[in-house]
Protein backbone atom coordinates (compact mmCIF):
# COMPACT_ATOMS: atom_id res chain seq x y z
CA MET A 1 20.21 90.24 93.29
CA VAL A 2 16.55 90.54 94.30
CA THR A 3 14.31 90.59 91.22
CA ALA A 4 11.41 92.91 90.43
CA ALA A 5 8.95 90.01 90.80
CA ALA A 6 10.16 89.33 94.36
CA PHE A 7 9.06 92.81 95.47
CA VAL A 8 5.52 92.62 94.04
CA GLY A 9 2.78 92.68 96.65
CA PRO A 10 2.16 94.21 100.08
CA TRP A 11 4.81 94.81 102.74
CA ALA A 12 4.36 95.81 106.38
CA LEU A 13 6.29 99.05 106.93
CA GLN A 14 7.76 100.31 110.20
CA ARG A 15 9.77 103.54 110.16
CA THR A 16 11.59 105.49 112.83
CA ILE A 17 12.59 109.10 112.26
CA ARG A 18 15.22 110.73 114.46
CA ASP A 19 15.23 114.47 113.77
CA HIS A 20 18.44 115.89 115.26
CA LEU A 21 17.78 119.46 114.12
CA HIS A 22 14.33 119.99 115.61
CA GLY A 23 14.29 117.22 118.23
CA GLN A 24 11.07 115.82 116.75
CA HIS A 25 11.23 112.05 116.70
CA GLY A 26 8.50 109.83 115.36
CA THR A 27 7.41 106.44 114.17
CA LEU A 28 5.40 105.40 111.16
CA GLN A 29 3.28 102.26 110.93
CA GLY A 30 1.89 101.42 107.55
CA GLN A 31 2.05 99.41 104.38
CA ALA A 32 4.03 99.59 101.15
CA ILE A 33 2.64 97.99 98.02
CA PHE A 34 4.66 97.21 94.92
CA THR A 35 2.56 96.79 91.79
CA ALA A 36 3.96 95.59 88.47
CA THR A 37 3.49 98.17 85.71
CA GLY A 38 5.59 96.14 83.26
CA SER A 39 7.88 93.13 83.46
CA MET A 40 10.74 95.20 84.93
CA HIS A 41 8.82 98.23 86.25
CA LEU A 42 7.10 98.65 89.60
CA SER A 43 4.96 101.28 91.23
CA TYR A 44 5.77 101.78 94.93
CA GLU A 45 3.02 103.24 97.10
CA GLU A 46 3.05 103.62 100.85
CA ILE A 47 0.50 104.82 103.31
CA GLY A 48 0.77 104.97 107.05
CA THR A 49 0.28 106.89 110.24
CA LEU A 50 3.17 108.98 111.48
CA THR A 51 3.09 109.45 115.26
CA LEU A 52 5.29 112.16 116.74
CA GLU A 53 6.62 112.05 120.30
CA SER A 54 4.13 114.80 121.16
CA GLY A 55 1.34 112.35 120.33
CA ALA A 56 0.31 114.16 117.15
CA GLN A 57 -0.62 111.80 114.33
CA LEU A 58 -0.42 112.52 110.62
CA GLU A 59 -1.38 110.50 107.57
CA ALA A 60 1.65 109.89 105.37
CA LYS A 61 1.60 108.88 101.70
CA ARG A 62 4.20 108.67 98.97
CA ARG A 63 4.64 107.10 95.56
CA TYR A 64 7.71 106.26 93.48
CA PHE A 65 8.49 104.22 90.41
CA TRP A 66 11.18 101.54 90.30
CA ALA A 67 12.73 100.45 86.98
CA PHE A 68 14.89 97.33 87.06
CA THR A 69 17.84 96.95 84.69
CA PRO A 70 20.24 93.98 84.68
CA ASP A 71 22.49 95.75 87.21
CA ILE A 72 20.56 98.46 89.05
CA VAL A 73 17.18 99.76 90.13
CA ILE A 74 16.40 103.30 89.02
CA VAL A 75 13.97 105.09 91.34
CA THR A 76 12.03 108.13 90.15
CA PHE A 77 9.53 110.42 91.80
CA GLU A 78 5.88 110.14 90.80
CA ASP A 79 6.34 112.97 88.30
CA GLY A 80 9.28 111.18 86.61
CA ARG A 81 12.12 113.24 88.09
CA PRO A 82 15.16 111.12 89.02
CA PHE A 83 15.57 110.22 92.70
CA HIS A 84 18.32 107.61 93.17
CA GLN A 85 19.70 104.24 92.03
CA PHE A 86 20.87 101.11 93.84
CA THR A 87 21.65 97.42 93.39
CA PRO A 88 19.24 95.21 95.40
CA VAL A 89 21.77 92.79 96.90
CA GLY A 90 23.48 92.53 100.31
CA HIS A 91 24.40 95.87 101.84
CA ALA A 92 23.70 98.36 99.06
CA VAL A 93 24.62 102.01 98.92
CA GLY A 94 22.28 104.08 96.78
CA THR A 95 23.32 107.11 94.81
CA ASP A 96 23.08 110.40 96.64
CA HIS A 97 20.26 112.86 96.06
CA PRO A 98 20.80 116.59 96.44
CA CYS A 99 17.61 118.55 97.08
CA GLY A 100 18.25 122.26 97.22
CA ASP A 101 20.77 122.77 100.01
CA ASP A 102 19.82 119.45 101.65
CA PHE A 103 21.60 116.20 100.85
CA TYR A 104 20.05 112.72 100.99
CA THR A 105 22.03 109.47 101.24
CA VAL A 106 20.59 105.96 101.43
CA ARG A 107 21.83 102.54 102.44
CA TYR A 108 19.80 99.40 101.85
CA ASP A 109 20.18 96.06 103.61
CA PHE A 110 18.90 92.96 101.82
CA THR A 111 20.95 90.43 103.85
CA ALA A 112 17.90 89.08 105.75
CA TRP A 113 15.62 88.86 102.68
CA PRO A 114 12.62 88.82 102.52
CA GLN A 115 12.96 91.35 105.34
CA TRP A 116 14.87 94.44 104.22
CA ARG A 117 15.77 97.95 105.35
CA ALA A 118 16.35 101.40 103.92
CA VAL A 119 18.20 103.98 106.01
CA TRP A 120 18.10 107.58 104.79
CA THR A 121 20.41 110.21 106.26
CA VAL A 122 19.41 113.77 105.39
CA LYS A 123 21.60 116.77 106.19
CA GLY A 124 21.49 120.42 105.29
CA PRO A 125 20.60 123.81 106.65
CA ARG A 126 16.91 122.88 107.04
CA LYS A 127 17.20 119.15 107.76
CA ASN A 128 19.24 116.77 109.90
CA TYR A 129 17.52 113.44 110.39
CA VAL A 130 17.85 109.68 109.98
CA SER A 131 14.87 107.70 108.71
CA THR A 132 15.05 103.91 109.09
CA SER A 133 12.40 101.84 107.29
CA LEU A 134 11.93 98.13 107.94
CA TYR A 135 9.95 96.14 105.37
CA THR A 136 8.58 92.69 106.19
CA PRO A 137 6.27 90.55 104.07
CA ALA A 138 2.66 91.41 104.87
CA PRO A 139 0.63 88.49 106.27
CA SER A 140 -1.14 88.05 102.91
CA ARG A 141 2.28 87.35 101.26
CA THR A 142 3.14 84.40 103.49
């Protein structure tokens, strides 16, 4: 299992978004930074530029908190609401997250650590997309 300490620091972030409902596909280039807020607690912050196929560019930001227990990682939104849980080892399936009528599922892949992936599939009446995020150690980590 990957430990909290192993995540600390900057990560290069590449994300592809395939929106099957609206036909809007895009890519995000950015950085994710994990900061220790306690021995088993991390703050996750990402910032990047989302580029749509139309050429439009948007600044994207998000923040979560990760709490490590002996068996799982509990992820919450910035305001403390629960998001999902997973075990950071191998191919990991996270718990599902209903959001209104939309439903989020996630699968992590830690098999090529320190490179890792998160693939979110989102379906519902307003959403139908797959978001694939690839995290690689930022140059300052190596």
